[in-house]
Amino acid sequence: MHSNVMPPEISGQTGGIPEATVARLPVYLRALYGLAERGISTVASEELAAAAGVNSAKLRKDLSHLGSYGIRGVGYDVDYLVYQVSRTLGLTQDWPVVIVGAGNLGRALANYGGFVSRGFTISAMLDCDPAIVGSRIAGLTVRHVEELEAVVTRHKVAIGVIATPAGAAQAVCDRLVAAGVTSILNFAPLVLSVPEGVDVRKVDLSIELQILAFHAQRRSTTRPESPAARGTDPASVNGLPQAGLRPPVTPELAAQA
């Protein structure tokens, strides 16, 4: 729940808010939308933190950067916090987006309904494949990439999404930047070179899968194996007696004692 005192406006892109906090705000917003859909009007910091996967102290500090402190014993007003986070992220206005690359990934992105509900409008899709140009995807007619500059100007595109093969990504990026686009979401497996003042977010699904593979491997190698699975005596590891466990006494061992 909030007081009648409105928080100060956030100036600039981050307005002094730490980048780590900015990165967590969309996670908080997703959790808040989930609470709102369940009809929950107020939420304690501990509950919201658990839904977002962070500790409550970090969440309270993050939200304090927005001027939101909640009320002790009551918590945060969900609807108002949605507004605060949305405003800070710039989601209280529509953002025209162009997708360059209308292959399988580009098609999937264009058909994703979550963009519109969060304030992002796919204004145009571009490609260079004659078999794709002119086709309809998600209600849009795919235009030739040669029209990139005209499309950016006509639709006042704020964000460019690159879903091309790696070999074409840098050239597309250069053209987007030259046309005035300063925010780019890159799905191509390539690190883009951009001038200062241009923000690039890279999404590499193969890297995420490799990180998951690393953790899966560590779990499999550290998971204790049952004696039956090893096919060895419970009192031994690799055929050697475990520390603190005596091997069975045999006549031979008794004679040596």
Protein backbone atom coordinates (compact mmCIF):
# COMPACT_ATOMS: atom_id res chain seq x y z
CA MET A 1 0.00 0.00 0.00
CA HIS A 2 1.27 3.46 -0.78
CA SER A 3 1.03 6.85 0.87
CA ASN A 4 -0.45 9.92 -0.77
CA VAL A 5 3.03 11.25 -1.40
CA MET A 6 4.02 10.49 -4.96
CA PRO A 7 7.61 9.27 -5.47
CA PRO A 8 10.01 11.56 -7.30
CA GLU A 9 10.16 11.19 -11.07
CA ILE A 10 12.97 9.05 -12.38
CA SER A 11 15.22 11.10 -14.64
CA GLY A 12 17.38 9.70 -17.40
CA GLN A 13 17.47 6.13 -18.59
CA THR A 14 18.49 4.71 -15.22
CA GLY A 15 18.02 7.85 -13.12
CA GLY A 16 20.75 6.81 -10.71
CA ILE A 17 19.21 3.38 -10.23
CA PRO A 18 21.90 0.66 -10.17
CA GLU A 19 22.01 -1.49 -13.30
CA ALA A 20 21.63 -4.63 -11.17
CA THR A 21 18.37 -3.22 -9.80
CA VAL A 22 17.15 -2.34 -13.31
CA ALA A 23 17.84 -5.94 -14.37
CA ARG A 24 15.63 -7.23 -11.53
CA LEU A 25 12.71 -4.85 -12.09
CA PRO A 26 11.18 -6.89 -14.96
CA VAL A 27 11.29 -9.96 -12.69
CA TYR A 28 9.41 -8.05 -9.98
CA LEU A 29 6.91 -6.84 -12.56
CA ARG A 30 6.25 -10.38 -13.76
CA ALA A 31 5.66 -11.51 -10.18
CA LEU A 32 3.35 -8.55 -9.55
CA TYR A 33 1.28 -9.35 -12.64
CA GLY A 34 0.90 -12.88 -11.33
CA LEU A 35 -0.33 -11.59 -7.97
CA ALA A 36 -2.75 -9.18 -9.64
CA GLU A 37 -4.19 -11.99 -11.78
CA ARG A 38 -4.90 -13.90 -8.56
CA GLY A 39 -6.80 -10.93 -7.16
CA ILE A 40 -4.17 -10.07 -4.52
CA SER A 41 -4.23 -6.34 -3.75
CA THR A 42 -1.41 -6.07 -1.19
CA VAL A 43 1.76 -8.12 -0.82
CA ALA A 44 4.42 -8.39 1.86
CA SER A 45 8.03 -7.94 0.82
CA GLU A 46 8.80 -11.54 1.83
CA GLU A 47 6.04 -12.92 -0.43
CA LEU A 48 7.02 -10.76 -3.40
CA ALA A 49 10.69 -11.60 -2.90
CA ALA A 50 9.90 -15.33 -2.87
CA ALA A 51 7.85 -15.00 -6.06
CA ALA A 52 10.74 -13.14 -7.71
CA GLY A 53 13.47 -15.49 -6.42
CA VAL A 54 15.43 -12.88 -4.41
CA ASN A 55 15.85 -12.18 -0.72
CA SER A 56 13.47 -9.67 0.86
CA ALA A 57 16.23 -7.26 1.95
CA LYS A 58 17.44 -6.93 -1.66
CA LEU A 59 13.89 -6.43 -2.89
CA ARG A 60 13.18 -3.68 -0.35
CA LYS A 61 16.41 -1.90 -1.28
CA ASP A 62 15.61 -2.18 -5.00
CA LEU A 63 12.12 -0.76 -4.54
CA SER A 64 13.43 2.06 -2.36
CA HIS A 65 15.21 3.37 -5.47
CA LEU A 66 11.73 3.87 -6.94
CA GLY A 67 10.56 5.75 -3.84
CA SER A 68 8.39 2.84 -2.72
CA TYR A 69 8.78 1.64 0.85
CA GLY A 70 5.50 -0.09 1.62
CA ILE A 71 3.79 0.05 5.00
CA ARG A 72 4.93 -2.04 7.95
CA GLY A 73 2.43 -4.77 8.69
CA VAL A 74 0.54 -4.16 5.44
CA GLY A 75 3.06 -4.40 2.62
CA TYR A 76 2.94 -2.98 -0.89
CA ASP A 77 -0.11 -2.02 -2.93
CA VAL A 78 0.17 -4.38 -5.94
CA ASP A 79 -1.51 -2.15 -8.53
CA TYR A 80 0.46 0.92 -7.54
CA LEU A 81 3.72 -1.00 -7.49
CA VAL A 82 2.95 -2.28 -11.00
CA TYR A 83 2.57 1.36 -12.04
CA GLN A 84 5.81 2.41 -10.34
CA VAL A 85 7.89 -0.37 -11.85
CA SER A 86 6.26 0.04 -15.28
CA ARG A 87 6.90 3.79 -15.25
CA THR A 88 10.53 3.31 -14.23
CA LEU A 89 11.05 0.78 -17.02
CA GLY A 90 9.38 3.12 -19.52
CA LEU A 91 6.43 0.81 -20.09
CA THR A 92 3.73 3.44 -19.63
CA GLN A 93 4.11 4.25 -23.33
CA ASP A 94 4.15 2.11 -26.47
CA TRP A 95 7.50 1.17 -28.00
CA PRO A 96 7.57 0.47 -31.75
CA VAL A 97 9.80 -2.50 -32.55
CA VAL A 98 11.21 -3.77 -35.84
CA ILE A 99 12.32 -7.39 -36.27
CA VAL A 100 15.04 -7.97 -38.86
CA GLY A 101 15.06 -11.63 -39.86
CA ALA A 102 11.80 -13.45 -40.55
CA GLY A 103 13.03 -17.01 -40.18
CA ASN A 104 11.80 -19.44 -37.53
CA LEU A 105 13.05 -17.31 -34.63
CA GLY A 106 11.73 -14.06 -36.09
CA ARG A 107 8.34 -15.67 -36.67
CA ALA A 108 8.20 -16.94 -33.10
CA LEU A 109 9.07 -13.50 -31.73
CA ALA A 110 6.45 -11.79 -33.89
CA ASN A 111 3.76 -14.19 -32.71
CA TYR A 112 4.63 -13.82 -29.03
CA GLY A 113 1.65 -12.13 -27.40
CA GLY A 114 3.60 -11.00 -24.35
CA PHE A 115 5.15 -8.08 -26.24
CA VAL A 116 1.89 -6.24 -26.82
CA SER A 117 0.69 -6.74 -23.25
CA ARG A 118 3.92 -5.13 -21.98
CA GLY A 119 3.80 -2.11 -24.26
CA PHE A 120 5.86 -3.31 -27.25
CA THR A 121 4.35 -3.12 -30.71
CA ILE A 122 5.91 -5.06 -33.57
CA SER A 123 5.64 -2.39 -36.24
CA ALA A 124 7.45 -4.19 -39.05
CA MET A 125 9.34 -7.33 -40.05
CA LEU A 126 12.17 -7.30 -42.58
CA ASP A 127 14.01 -10.00 -44.50
CA CYS A 128 16.05 -10.40 -47.68
CA ASP A 129 14.77 -13.83 -48.77
CA PRO A 130 12.51 -13.42 -51.84
CA ALA A 131 10.53 -16.45 -50.68
CA ILE A 132 9.67 -14.69 -47.42
CA VAL A 133 9.37 -11.04 -48.47
CA GLY A 134 5.72 -10.24 -49.11
CA SER A 135 4.40 -13.05 -46.92
CA ARG A 136 2.20 -12.39 -43.90
CA ILE A 137 3.47 -13.09 -40.37
CA ALA A 138 1.51 -12.15 -37.24
CA GLY A 139 -0.65 -9.79 -39.27
CA LEU A 140 2.35 -8.03 -40.83
CA THR A 141 3.57 -8.09 -44.42
CA VAL A 142 7.29 -8.89 -44.43
CA ARG A 143 9.16 -6.09 -46.15
CA HIS A 144 12.54 -6.23 -47.85
CA VAL A 145 15.49 -5.30 -45.67
CA GLU A 146 16.35 -2.59 -48.20
CA GLU A 147 13.45 -0.63 -46.66
CA LEU A 148 15.02 -0.67 -43.17
CA GLU A 149 15.79 3.05 -42.94
CA ALA A 150 12.39 4.06 -44.31
CA VAL A 151 10.61 1.69 -41.90
CA VAL A 152 12.52 3.06 -38.89
CA THR A 153 11.60 6.62 -39.85
CA ARG A 154 7.97 5.89 -40.74
CA HIS A 155 7.18 3.95 -37.56
CA LYS A 156 9.50 5.90 -35.25
CA VAL A 157 11.12 2.62 -34.28
CA ALA A 158 12.74 2.71 -30.85
CA ILE A 159 13.98 -0.87 -30.57
CA GLY A 160 15.52 -3.11 -33.21
CA VAL A 161 15.51 -6.90 -32.87
CA ILE A 162 18.16 -8.77 -34.85
CA ALA A 163 17.18 -12.36 -35.62
CA THR A 164 19.45 -12.88 -38.62
CA PRO A 165 22.31 -15.32 -39.17
CA ALA A 166 25.59 -14.20 -37.60
CA GLY A 167 27.08 -13.19 -40.95
CA ALA A 168 24.48 -10.47 -41.52
CA ALA A 169 24.03 -9.24 -37.94
CA GLN A 170 26.74 -6.56 -37.79
CA ALA A 171 25.69 -4.95 -41.07
CA VAL A 172 22.07 -4.87 -39.91
CA CYS A 173 23.15 -3.41 -36.59
CA ASP A 174 25.16 -0.68 -38.33
CA ARG A 175 22.17 0.28 -40.43
CA LEU A 176 19.82 0.35 -37.45
CA VAL A 177 22.21 2.61 -35.54
CA ALA A 178 22.72 4.89 -38.55
CA ALA A 179 18.94 5.16 -38.86
CA GLY A 180 18.70 6.35 -35.26
CA VAL A 181 17.89 3.17 -33.32
CA THR A 182 19.77 3.18 -30.01
CA SER A 183 18.31 0.06 -28.36
CA ILE A 184 19.00 -3.35 -29.92
CA LEU A 185 18.05 -6.87 -28.90
CA ASN A 186 20.47 -9.28 -30.55
CA PHE A 187 19.64 -12.97 -31.04
CA ALA A 188 22.47 -13.59 -33.52
CA PRO A 189 25.42 -15.63 -32.17
CA LEU A 190 27.78 -12.68 -32.52
CA VAL A 191 29.05 -9.89 -30.29
CA LEU A 192 28.03 -6.65 -31.98
CA SER A 193 30.23 -3.58 -32.15
CA VAL A 194 28.25 -0.40 -31.47
CA PRO A 195 29.16 3.21 -30.72
CA GLU A 196 28.78 4.74 -27.29
CA GLY A 197 25.20 5.58 -26.46
CA VAL A 198 23.75 2.46 -28.08
CA ASP A 199 22.45 -0.27 -25.77
CA VAL A 200 22.65 -3.89 -26.89
CA ARG A 201 21.13 -6.85 -25.05
CA LYS A 202 22.35 -10.22 -26.30
CA VAL A 203 20.23 -13.35 -26.05
CA ASP A 204 22.21 -16.52 -26.78
CA LEU A 205 20.17 -19.65 -26.09
CA SER A 206 23.12 -21.96 -26.77
CA ILE A 207 25.15 -20.27 -24.03
CA GLU A 208 22.29 -20.67 -21.55
CA LEU A 209 22.03 -24.37 -22.45
CA GLN A 210 25.79 -24.81 -21.98
CA ILE A 211 25.58 -23.25 -18.52
CA LEU A 212 22.73 -25.60 -17.64
CA ALA A 213 24.80 -28.53 -18.94
CA PHE A 214 27.65 -27.50 -16.64
CA HIS A 215 25.38 -27.54 -13.59
CA ALA A 216 23.74 -30.80 -14.67
CA GLN A 217 27.17 -32.40 -15.03
CA ARG A 218 28.25 -31.21 -11.59
CA ARG A 219 25.12 -32.67 -10.01
CA SER A 220 25.65 -36.00 -11.73
CA THR A 221 29.31 -36.26 -10.65
CA THR A 222 28.66 -35.25 -7.03
CA ARG A 223 25.55 -37.38 -6.54
CA PRO A 224 26.43 -40.32 -4.24
CA GLU A 225 26.25 -43.68 -5.94
CA SER A 226 24.69 -46.62 -4.15
CA PRO A 227 26.89 -49.63 -3.35
CA ALA A 228 24.62 -51.83 -5.45
CA ALA A 229 25.14 -49.59 -8.46
CA ARG A 230 28.90 -49.71 -7.95
CA GLY A 231 28.92 -53.48 -7.54
CA THR A 232 31.32 -53.22 -4.56
CA ASP A 233 31.26 -54.08 -0.90
CA PRO A 234 29.48 -51.38 1.16
CA ALA A 235 32.62 -51.12 3.32
CA SER A 236 34.87 -50.19 0.40
CA VAL A 237 35.30 -47.53 -2.24
CA ASN A 238 37.15 -48.47 -5.41
CA GLY A 239 37.90 -51.79 -3.73
CA LEU A 240 39.69 -50.14 -0.76
CA PRO A 241 38.40 -50.18 2.83
CA GLN A 242 36.66 -46.98 3.89
CA ALA A 243 38.17 -45.03 6.74
CA GLY A 244 36.74 -46.09 10.07
CA LEU A 245 35.44 -49.41 8.72
CA ARG A 246 37.28 -52.67 9.39
CA PRO A 247 37.40 -55.38 6.71
CA PRO A 248 35.93 -58.74 7.73
CA VAL A 249 38.35 -60.89 9.75
CA THR A 250 39.52 -63.96 7.83
CA PRO A 251 41.75 -66.83 9.05
CA GLU A 252 44.60 -65.42 7.02
CA LEU A 253 44.27 -61.98 8.64
CA ALA A 254 43.92 -63.56 12.08
CA ALA A 255 47.16 -65.49 11.55
CA GLN A 256 48.96 -62.26 10.55
CA ALA A 257 47.69 -60.39 13.62
